Amino acid sequence: ADYAGWAARRMESPLEFLHIIDRHQEMATGNDHSGAIGFDAQETLLNELSNQDESCSKAARERGRLFLNRLRERAIKSGVESPDIRQRYGVLEEALVEQEDGVRLFVLGRRGESAVSTQRDLGRNVERVVRALHKPILAVTDSFTEPRRVLIAFDGGIVTRRGVEMVAASPLFRGLPVHLLMSGKKSQDGLKQLEWAKTTLEAASFHVSPSLVPGDAERVIAKAVHDQGIDMLIMGAYSHSPLRSLLFGSKTSDLLRSAKVPTLLLR
């Protein structure tokens, strides 16, 4: 909510908080119905289960309403004007895809409620949601720090080239110093791509610090984030198929785990 409020203020865009209630979430009632074999037992059992489902649904809607109102009040205190709130039933990624045409930026946490108990440093929904969307997604960490220094992990590909153009055209990072980082072997083409990105950002009045550092992208970027006090990372995301990620792992997920700062993911 804090990062979404920050982005909405910077872009002067309306903000909406959307809460998705999973209609098919399994809920154990704790009641044993195995002995319900008497007269009209089936109809009675169906009525009882229907009433329980309605009660659980109503409770979920009320919890969601209170949750959204707290977020709305928090955003208003941070300076956001008239944020909207909405909740609906559905599957998370499907609901977000339906909203995509009217959205400039999605903001989601990278860890869920179960992170403490499961010790997961990356929520199970993140990759699925990011792969389903085509707009930029800001995956944020647990605590809010207003971004002051930005790092673009630039590889010269079409996705990160579009990312450079997006940063240059958007007010989201206007006035912030931008570190432009390529990793890997030094080559004439790489230097040419890096110079293009630097020139594009400087033409939009950004102060740019470009560098090409040999080595593995994950280690190079994570080290740069730590050494240069980076508050936000911008990078391309999940360019390979889910099957390849399953077999060989995902560089995007590895970077999200190692960088430990809010990351703007480009698709």
C-alpha atoms as a PDB file:
ATOM      1  CA  ALA A   1       0.000   0.000   0.000  1.00  0.00           C
ATOM      2  CA  ASP A   2       2.836   2.415   0.840  1.00  0.00           C
ATOM      3  CA  TYR A   3       4.686   1.747  -2.409  1.00  0.00           C
ATOM      4  CA  ALA A   4       1.456   1.958  -4.412  1.00  0.00           C
ATOM      5  CA  GLY A   5       0.724   5.321  -2.782  1.00  0.00           C
ATOM      6  CA  TRP A   6       4.240   6.529  -3.596  1.00  0.00           C
ATOM      7  CA  ALA A   7       3.872   5.475  -7.240  1.00  0.00           C
ATOM      8  CA  ALA A   8       0.405   7.023  -7.559  1.00  0.00           C
ATOM      9  CA  ARG A   9       1.666  10.360  -6.243  1.00  0.00           C
ATOM     10  CA  ARG A  10       4.723  10.338  -8.501  1.00  0.00           C
ATOM     11  CA  MET A  11       2.700   9.478 -11.616  1.00  0.00           C
ATOM     12  CA  GLU A  12      -0.309  11.586 -10.596  1.00  0.00           C
ATOM     13  CA  SER A  13      -2.472   8.554 -11.351  1.00  0.00           C
ATOM     14  CA  PRO A  14      -5.558   7.186  -9.584  1.00  0.00           C
ATOM     15  CA  LEU A  15      -4.945   4.359  -7.141  1.00  0.00           C
ATOM     16  CA  GLU A  16      -7.149   1.318  -6.583  1.00  0.00           C
ATOM     17  CA  PHE A  17      -6.777  -1.413  -3.992  1.00  0.00           C
ATOM     18  CA  LEU A  18      -8.189  -4.721  -5.245  1.00  0.00           C
ATOM     19  CA  HIS A  19      -8.851  -7.626  -2.886  1.00  0.00           C
ATOM     20  CA  ILE A  20      -9.493 -11.058  -4.411  1.00  0.00           C
ATOM     21  CA  ILE A  21     -11.474 -13.616  -2.415  1.00  0.00           C
ATOM     22  CA  ASP A  22     -10.798 -17.177  -3.503  1.00  0.00           C
ATOM     23  CA  ARG A  23     -14.247 -18.733  -3.940  1.00  0.00           C
ATOM     24  CA  HIS A  24     -12.822 -22.254  -3.982  1.00  0.00           C
ATOM     25  CA  GLN A  25     -10.622 -21.977  -0.925  1.00  0.00           C
ATOM     26  CA  GLU A  26     -10.901 -25.185   1.061  1.00  0.00           C
ATOM     27  CA  MET A  27     -12.437 -24.659   4.478  1.00  0.00           C
ATOM     28  CA  ALA A  28     -12.728 -27.392   7.089  1.00  0.00           C
ATOM     29  CA  THR A  29     -15.840 -27.083   9.247  1.00  0.00           C
ATOM     30  CA  GLY A  30     -14.710 -29.509  11.919  1.00  0.00           C
ATOM     31  CA  ASN A  31     -18.131 -31.221  11.881  1.00  0.00           C
ATOM     32  CA  ASP A  32     -18.494 -34.941  11.222  1.00  0.00           C
ATOM     33  CA  HIS A  33     -21.355 -35.650   8.799  1.00  0.00           C
ATOM     34  CA  SER A  34     -20.549 -39.345   8.262  1.00  0.00           C
ATOM     35  CA  GLY A  35     -23.432 -40.484  10.485  1.00  0.00           C
ATOM     36  CA  ALA A  36     -26.098 -38.345   8.804  1.00  0.00           C
ATOM     37  CA  ILE A  37     -28.063 -41.205   7.197  1.00  0.00           C
ATOM     38  CA  GLY A  38     -31.502 -40.670   8.751  1.00  0.00           C
ATOM     39  CA  PHE A  39     -34.771 -39.546   7.109  1.00  0.00           C
ATOM     40  CA  ASP A  40     -34.313 -36.436   4.919  1.00  0.00           C
ATOM     41  CA  ALA A  41     -30.653 -36.449   5.977  1.00  0.00           C
ATOM     42  CA  GLN A  42     -29.402 -35.489   2.513  1.00  0.00           C
ATOM     43  CA  GLU A  43     -31.591 -32.402   2.231  1.00  0.00           C
ATOM     44  CA  THR A  44     -30.780 -31.369   5.805  1.00  0.00           C
ATOM     45  CA  LEU A  45     -27.062 -31.811   5.189  1.00  0.00           C
ATOM     46  CA  LEU A  46     -27.172 -29.785   1.953  1.00  0.00           C
ATOM     47  CA  ASN A  47     -29.027 -26.971   3.709  1.00  0.00           C
ATOM     48  CA  GLU A  48     -26.543 -27.004   6.569  1.00  0.00           C
ATOM     49  CA  LEU A  49     -23.550 -26.904   4.215  1.00  0.00           C
ATOM     50  CA  SER A  50     -25.179 -24.126   2.181  1.00  0.00           C
ATOM     51  CA  ASN A  51     -25.743 -22.058   5.313  1.00  0.00           C
ATOM     52  CA  GLN A  52     -22.142 -22.626   6.407  1.00  0.00           C
ATOM     53  CA  ASP A  53     -20.867 -21.580   2.977  1.00  0.00           C
ATOM     54  CA  GLU A  54     -22.985 -18.422   3.023  1.00  0.00           C
ATOM     55  CA  SER A  55     -21.790 -17.566   6.527  1.00  0.00           C
ATOM     56  CA  CYS A  56     -18.119 -18.084   5.574  1.00  0.00           C
ATOM     57  CA  SER A  57     -18.597 -16.032   2.419  1.00  0.00           C
ATOM     58  CA  LYS A  58     -20.166 -13.174   4.343  1.00  0.00           C
ATOM     59  CA  ALA A  59     -17.355 -13.254   6.913  1.00  0.00           C
ATOM     60  CA  ALA A  60     -14.721 -13.189   4.144  1.00  0.00           C
ATOM     61  CA  ARG A  61     -16.389 -10.187   2.503  1.00  0.00           C
ATOM     62  CA  GLU A  62     -16.523  -8.310   5.809  1.00  0.00           C
ATOM     63  CA  ARG A  63     -12.859  -9.057   6.605  1.00  0.00           C
ATOM     64  CA  GLY A  64     -11.955  -7.876   3.104  1.00  0.00           C
ATOM     65  CA  ARG A  65     -13.970  -4.675   3.503  1.00  0.00           C
ATOM     66  CA  LEU A  66     -12.241  -3.809   6.788  1.00  0.00           C
ATOM     67  CA  PHE A  67      -8.839  -4.674   5.309  1.00  0.00           C
ATOM     68  CA  LEU A  68      -9.405  -2.447   2.257  1.00  0.00           C
ATOM     69  CA  ASN A  69     -10.653   0.455   4.361  1.00  0.00           C
ATOM     70  CA  ARG A  70      -7.468   0.342   6.455  1.00  0.00           C
ATOM     71  CA  LEU A  71      -5.363   0.466   3.287  1.00  0.00           C
ATOM     72  CA  ARG A  72      -7.440   3.325   1.911  1.00  0.00           C
ATOM     73  CA  GLU A  73      -6.990   5.363   5.104  1.00  0.00           C
ATOM     74  CA  ARG A  74      -3.249   4.654   5.030  1.00  0.00           C
ATOM     75  CA  ALA A  75      -2.972   5.858   1.422  1.00  0.00           C
ATOM     76  CA  ILE A  76      -4.958   9.034   2.153  1.00  0.00           C
ATOM     77  CA  LYS A  77      -2.621   9.857   5.068  1.00  0.00           C
ATOM     78  CA  SER A  78       0.337   9.497   2.688  1.00  0.00           C
ATOM     79  CA  GLY A  79      -1.154  12.101   0.353  1.00  0.00           C
ATOM     80  CA  VAL A  80      -3.089  10.037  -2.201  1.00  0.00           C
ATOM     81  CA  GLU A  81      -6.297  11.728  -3.278  1.00  0.00           C
ATOM     82  CA  SER A  82      -9.461   9.571  -3.186  1.00  0.00           C
ATOM     83  CA  PRO A  83      -8.052   6.043  -3.619  1.00  0.00           C
ATOM     84  CA  ASP A  84     -10.638   3.456  -4.696  1.00  0.00           C
ATOM     85  CA  ILE A  85     -11.234   0.081  -3.073  1.00  0.00           C
ATOM     86  CA  ARG A  86     -12.846  -2.992  -4.595  1.00  0.00           C
ATOM     87  CA  GLN A  87     -13.127  -6.662  -3.845  1.00  0.00           C
ATOM     88  CA  ARG A  88     -14.355  -9.570  -5.899  1.00  0.00           C
ATOM     89  CA  TYR A  89     -14.395 -13.341  -6.018  1.00  0.00           C
ATOM     90  CA  GLY A  90     -12.033 -15.096  -8.373  1.00  0.00           C
ATOM     91  CA  VAL A  91      -8.538 -16.408  -9.033  1.00  0.00           C
ATOM     92  CA  LEU A  92      -5.788 -13.864  -8.437  1.00  0.00           C
ATOM     93  CA  GLU A  93      -3.982 -13.891 -11.778  1.00  0.00           C
ATOM     94  CA  GLU A  94      -7.207 -14.191 -13.806  1.00  0.00           C
ATOM     95  CA  ALA A  95      -8.734 -11.205 -11.992  1.00  0.00           C
ATOM     96  CA  LEU A  96      -5.614  -9.106 -12.595  1.00  0.00           C
ATOM     97  CA  VAL A  97      -5.473 -10.010 -16.286  1.00  0.00           C
ATOM     98  CA  GLU A  98      -9.082  -8.820 -16.651  1.00  0.00           C
ATOM     99  CA  GLN A  99      -8.083  -5.412 -15.219  1.00  0.00           C
ATOM    100  CA  GLU A 100      -4.887  -5.067 -17.247  1.00  0.00           C
ATOM    101  CA  ASP A 101      -6.114  -2.784 -20.039  1.00  0.00           C
ATOM    102  CA  GLY A 102      -6.869   0.043 -17.596  1.00  0.00           C
ATOM    103  CA  VAL A 103      -3.721  -0.287 -15.468  1.00  0.00           C
ATOM    104  CA  ARG A 104      -0.354   1.497 -15.829  1.00  0.00           C
ATOM    105  CA  LEU A 105       1.369  -0.282 -12.952  1.00  0.00           C
ATOM    106  CA  PHE A 106       0.582  -3.285 -10.764  1.00  0.00           C
ATOM    107  CA  VAL A 107       1.960  -3.378  -7.214  1.00  0.00           C
ATOM    108  CA  LEU A 108       2.117  -6.604  -5.209  1.00  0.00           C
ATOM    109  CA  GLY A 109       4.016  -7.979  -2.265  1.00  0.00           C
ATOM    110  CA  ARG A 110       6.613 -10.607  -2.977  1.00  0.00           C
ATOM    111  CA  ARG A 111       5.759 -12.656   0.140  1.00  0.00           C
ATOM    112  CA  GLY A 112       2.407 -13.784   1.502  1.00  0.00           C
ATOM    113  CA  GLU A 113       0.961 -14.472   4.950  1.00  0.00           C
ATOM    114  CA  SER A 114       2.491 -17.948   5.084  1.00  0.00           C
ATOM    115  CA  ALA A 115       6.058 -16.645   4.568  1.00  0.00           C
ATOM    116  CA  VAL A 116       6.860 -16.630   8.288  1.00  0.00           C
ATOM    117  CA  SER A 117       5.816 -20.235   8.848  1.00  0.00           C
ATOM    118  CA  THR A 118       7.164 -21.626   5.550  1.00  0.00           C
ATOM    119  CA  GLN A 119      10.368 -19.521   5.546  1.00  0.00           C
ATOM    120  CA  ARG A 120       9.769 -18.708   1.869  1.00  0.00           C
ATOM    121  CA  ASP A 121      11.605 -15.596   0.682  1.00  0.00           C
ATOM    122  CA  LEU A 122       9.488 -15.407  -2.475  1.00  0.00           C
ATOM    123  CA  GLY A 123       5.737 -15.991  -2.485  1.00  0.00           C
ATOM    124  CA  ARG A 124       4.310 -18.799  -4.591  1.00  0.00           C
ATOM    125  CA  ASN A 125       1.994 -16.384  -6.428  1.00  0.00           C
ATOM    126  CA  VAL A 126       4.687 -14.004  -7.698  1.00  0.00           C
ATOM    127  CA  GLU A 127       5.957 -15.888 -10.758  1.00  0.00           C
ATOM    128  CA  ARG A 128       2.471 -17.015 -11.786  1.00  0.00           C
ATOM    129  CA  VAL A 129       1.064 -13.473 -11.589  1.00  0.00           C
ATOM    130  CA  VAL A 130       4.019 -11.835 -13.337  1.00  0.00           C
ATOM    131  CA  ARG A 131       3.917 -14.357 -16.201  1.00  0.00           C
ATOM    132  CA  ALA A 132       0.188 -13.729 -16.656  1.00  0.00           C
ATOM    133  CA  LEU A 133       0.569  -9.937 -17.029  1.00  0.00           C
ATOM    134  CA  HIS A 134       2.147  -7.715 -19.676  1.00  0.00           C
ATOM    135  CA  LYS A 135       2.222  -4.392 -17.810  1.00  0.00           C
ATOM    136  CA  PRO A 136       5.042  -3.428 -15.401  1.00  0.00           C
ATOM    137  CA  ILE A 137       4.765  -5.054 -11.970  1.00  0.00           C
ATOM    138  CA  LEU A 138       6.353  -3.574  -8.863  1.00  0.00           C
ATOM    139  CA  ALA A 139       7.155  -6.467  -6.501  1.00  0.00           C
ATOM    140  CA  VAL A 140       7.778  -4.927  -3.085  1.00  0.00           C
ATOM    141  CA  THR A 141       9.451  -5.962   0.142  1.00  0.00           C
ATOM    142  CA  ASP A 142       8.037  -6.044   3.679  1.00  0.00           C
ATOM    143  CA  SER A 143       8.915  -2.492   4.734  1.00  0.00           C
ATOM    144  CA  PHE A 144       8.656   0.809   2.878  1.00  0.00           C
ATOM    145  CA  THR A 145      11.616   3.040   2.058  1.00  0.00           C
ATOM    146  CA  GLU A 146      11.053   5.897  -0.351  1.00  0.00           C
ATOM    147  CA  PRO A 147      13.279   5.193  -3.369  1.00  0.00           C
ATOM    148  CA  ARG A 148      16.259   7.536  -3.765  1.00  0.00           C
ATOM    149  CA  ARG A 149      18.616   5.507  -5.966  1.00  0.00           C
ATOM    150  CA  VAL A 150      17.524   3.338  -8.896  1.00  0.00           C
ATOM    151  CA  LEU A 151      19.401   0.554 -10.689  1.00  0.00           C
ATOM    152  CA  ILE A 152      18.444  -0.680 -14.162  1.00  0.00           C
ATOM    153  CA  ALA A 153      19.743  -4.174 -14.910  1.00  0.00           C
ATOM    154  CA  PHE A 154      20.265  -3.690 -18.647  1.00  0.00           C
ATOM    155  CA  ASP A 155      21.046  -6.508 -21.064  1.00  0.00           C
ATOM    156  CA  GLY A 156      20.453  -4.751 -24.380  1.00  0.00           C
ATOM    157  CA  GLY A 157      17.416  -6.913 -25.165  1.00  0.00           C
ATOM    158  CA  ILE A 158      14.077  -5.603 -26.364  1.00  0.00           C
ATOM    159  CA  VAL A 159      12.425  -5.826 -22.923  1.00  0.00           C
ATOM    160  CA  THR A 160      15.056  -3.795 -21.067  1.00  0.00           C
ATOM    161  CA  ARG A 161      15.335  -1.348 -23.998  1.00  0.00           C
ATOM    162  CA  ARG A 162      11.593  -0.725 -23.631  1.00  0.00           C
ATOM    163  CA  GLY A 163      12.209  -0.386 -19.895  1.00  0.00           C
ATOM    164  CA  VAL A 164      14.783   2.362 -20.471  1.00  0.00           C
ATOM    165  CA  GLU A 165      12.337   4.185 -22.742  1.00  0.00           C
ATOM    166  CA  MET A 166       9.590   3.778 -20.145  1.00  0.00           C
ATOM    167  CA  VAL A 167      11.781   5.206 -17.362  1.00  0.00           C
ATOM    168  CA  ALA A 168      12.756   8.105 -19.619  1.00  0.00           C
ATOM    169  CA  ALA A 169       9.116   8.932 -20.436  1.00  0.00           C
ATOM    170  CA  SER A 170       7.535   8.354 -17.019  1.00  0.00           C
ATOM    171  CA  PRO A 171       7.496  10.714 -14.020  1.00  0.00           C
ATOM    172  CA  LEU A 172       7.865   7.736 -11.669  1.00  0.00           C
ATOM    173  CA  PHE A 173      11.658   8.091 -11.282  1.00  0.00           C
ATOM    174  CA  ARG A 174      12.044  11.700 -12.412  1.00  0.00           C
ATOM    175  CA  GLY A 175      14.805  13.489 -10.500  1.00  0.00           C
ATOM    176  CA  LEU A 176      16.371  10.292  -9.110  1.00  0.00           C
ATOM    177  CA  PRO A 177      19.923   9.203 -10.037  1.00  0.00           C
ATOM    178  CA  VAL A 178      19.906   6.098 -12.243  1.00  0.00           C
ATOM    179  CA  HIS A 179      22.631   3.453 -12.219  1.00  0.00           C
ATOM    180  CA  LEU A 180      22.750   1.565 -15.508  1.00  0.00           C
ATOM    181  CA  LEU A 181      24.381  -1.859 -15.180  1.00  0.00           C
ATOM    182  CA  MET A 182      25.299  -4.508 -17.752  1.00  0.00           C
ATOM    183  CA  SER A 183      26.931  -7.766 -16.687  1.00  0.00           C
ATOM    184  CA  GLY A 184      28.887 -10.327 -18.665  1.00  0.00           C
ATOM    185  CA  LYS A 185      31.738 -10.150 -21.151  1.00  0.00           C
ATOM    186  CA  LYS A 186      32.729  -6.768 -22.498  1.00  0.00           C
ATOM    187  CA  SER A 187      31.902  -6.453 -26.196  1.00  0.00           C
ATOM    188  CA  GLN A 188      31.595  -3.706 -28.754  1.00  0.00           C
ATOM    189  CA  ASP A 189      27.881  -4.357 -29.115  1.00  0.00           C
ATOM    190  CA  GLY A 190      27.364  -4.294 -25.340  1.00  0.00           C
ATOM    191  CA  LEU A 191      29.152  -0.948 -25.036  1.00  0.00           C
ATOM    192  CA  LYS A 192      27.085   0.401 -27.928  1.00  0.00           C
ATOM    193  CA  GLN A 193      23.835  -0.724 -26.250  1.00  0.00           C
ATOM    194  CA  LEU A 194      24.929   0.783 -22.941  1.00  0.00           C
ATOM    195  CA  GLU A 195      25.733   4.101 -24.626  1.00  0.00           C
ATOM    196  CA  TRP A 196      22.276   4.113 -26.268  1.00  0.00           C
ATOM    197  CA  ALA A 197      20.580   3.602 -22.891  1.00  0.00           C
ATOM    198  CA  LYS A 198      22.712   6.315 -21.262  1.00  0.00           C
ATOM    199  CA  THR A 199      21.961   8.804 -24.049  1.00  0.00           C
ATOM    200  CA  THR A 200      18.213   8.008 -23.942  1.00  0.00           C
ATOM    201  CA  LEU A 201      18.006   8.652 -20.201  1.00  0.00           C
ATOM    202  CA  GLU A 202      20.201  11.753 -20.295  1.00  0.00           C
ATOM    203  CA  ALA A 203      17.973  13.213 -23.020  1.00  0.00           C
ATOM    204  CA  ALA A 204      15.155  12.980 -20.448  1.00  0.00           C
ATOM    205  CA  SER A 205      17.297  14.888 -17.903  1.00  0.00           C
ATOM    206  CA  PHE A 206      18.336  11.871 -15.807  1.00  0.00           C
ATOM    207  CA  HIS A 207      21.720  11.725 -14.116  1.00  0.00           C
ATOM    208  CA  VAL A 208      23.076   8.361 -15.307  1.00  0.00           C
ATOM    209  CA  SER A 209      26.018   6.253 -14.097  1.00  0.00           C
ATOM    210  CA  PRO A 210      26.647   3.445 -16.639  1.00  0.00           C
ATOM    211  CA  SER A 211      28.873   0.415 -16.026  1.00  0.00           C
ATOM    212  CA  LEU A 212      29.646  -2.939 -17.616  1.00  0.00           C
ATOM    213  CA  VAL A 213      30.834  -5.462 -15.046  1.00  0.00           C
ATOM    214  CA  PRO A 214      32.103  -8.964 -15.942  1.00  0.00           C
ATOM    215  CA  GLY A 215      30.575 -11.906 -14.122  1.00  0.00           C
ATOM    216  CA  ASP A 216      27.335 -13.720 -13.366  1.00  0.00           C
ATOM    217  CA  ALA A 217      24.327 -11.387 -13.572  1.00  0.00           C
ATOM    218  CA  GLU A 218      22.803 -12.471 -10.243  1.00  0.00           C
ATOM    219  CA  ARG A 219      25.991 -11.892  -8.240  1.00  0.00           C
ATOM    220  CA  VAL A 220      26.944  -8.691 -10.083  1.00  0.00           C
ATOM    221  CA  ILE A 221      23.496  -7.097  -9.642  1.00  0.00           C
ATOM    222  CA  ALA A 222      23.097  -8.182  -6.014  1.00  0.00           C
ATOM    223  CA  LYS A 223      26.547  -6.764  -5.184  1.00  0.00           C
ATOM    224  CA  ALA A 224      25.768  -3.471  -6.947  1.00  0.00           C
ATOM    225  CA  VAL A 225      22.461  -3.144  -5.075  1.00  0.00           C
ATOM    226  CA  HIS A 226      24.279  -3.602  -1.761  1.00  0.00           C
ATOM    227  CA  ASP A 227      27.403  -1.549  -2.487  1.00  0.00           C
ATOM    228  CA  GLN A 228      25.617   1.432  -4.062  1.00  0.00           C
ATOM    229  CA  GLY A 229      22.717   1.603  -1.590  1.00  0.00           C
ATOM    230  CA  ILE A 230      20.105   0.970  -4.286  1.00  0.00           C
ATOM    231  CA  ASP A 231      16.468   1.411  -3.198  1.00  0.00           C
ATOM    232  CA  MET A 232      14.789   0.014  -6.322  1.00  0.00           C
ATOM    233  CA  LEU A 233      15.823  -2.412  -9.052  1.00  0.00           C
ATOM    234  CA  ILE A 234      14.403  -2.416 -12.594  1.00  0.00           C
ATOM    235  CA  MET A 235      14.822  -5.537 -14.729  1.00  0.00           C
ATOM    236  CA  GLY A 236      13.246  -7.819 -17.309  1.00  0.00           C
ATOM    237  CA  ALA A 237      11.307 -10.769 -15.907  1.00  0.00           C
ATOM    238  CA  TYR A 238      10.656 -14.443 -16.727  1.00  0.00           C
ATOM    239  CA  SER A 239      11.698 -14.346 -20.384  1.00  0.00           C
ATOM    240  CA  HIS A 240      11.980 -18.147 -20.523  1.00  0.00           C
ATOM    241  CA  SER A 241       9.118 -20.647 -20.494  1.00  0.00           C
ATOM    242  CA  PRO A 242       7.717 -22.073 -17.223  1.00  0.00           C
ATOM    243  CA  LEU A 243       9.007 -25.528 -18.261  1.00  0.00           C
ATOM    244  CA  ARG A 244      12.557 -24.247 -18.676  1.00  0.00           C
ATOM    245  CA  SER A 245      12.313 -22.498 -15.310  1.00  0.00           C
ATOM    246  CA  LEU A 246      11.103 -25.753 -13.746  1.00  0.00           C
ATOM    247  CA  LEU A 247      14.037 -27.686 -15.194  1.00  0.00           C
ATOM    248  CA  PHE A 248      16.832 -25.154 -14.824  1.00  0.00           C
ATOM    249  CA  GLY A 249      15.511 -22.610 -12.328  1.00  0.00           C
ATOM    250  CA  SER A 250      14.578 -18.984 -12.921  1.00  0.00           C
ATOM    251  CA  LYS A 251      17.117 -16.150 -13.053  1.00  0.00           C
ATOM    252  CA  THR A 252      14.309 -13.698 -12.218  1.00  0.00           C
ATOM    253  CA  SER A 253      13.361 -15.558  -9.032  1.00  0.00           C
ATOM    254  CA  ASP A 254      17.022 -15.922  -8.064  1.00  0.00           C
ATOM    255  CA  LEU A 255      17.567 -12.168  -8.510  1.00  0.00           C
ATOM    256  CA  LEU A 256      14.455 -11.307  -6.511  1.00  0.00           C
ATOM    257  CA  ARG A 257      15.772 -13.452  -3.673  1.00  0.00           C
ATOM    258  CA  SER A 258      19.300 -12.059  -3.735  1.00  0.00           C
ATOM    259  CA  ALA A 259      18.628  -8.352  -4.418  1.00  0.00           C
ATOM    260  CA  LYS A 260      16.228  -7.884  -1.452  1.00  0.00           C
ATOM    261  CA  VAL A 261      14.910  -4.498  -2.664  1.00  0.00           C
ATOM    262  CA  PRO A 262      11.629  -3.561  -4.382  1.00  0.00           C
ATOM    263  CA  THR A 263      11.878  -4.565  -8.031  1.00  0.00           C
ATOM    264  CA  LEU A 264      10.062  -3.210 -11.061  1.00  0.00           C
ATOM    265  CA  LEU A 265       9.582  -6.216 -13.331  1.00  0.00           C
ATOM    266  CA  LEU A 266       9.282  -5.622 -17.080  1.00  0.00           C
ATOM    267  CA  ARG A 267       7.492  -8.023 -19.395  1.00  0.00           C
END
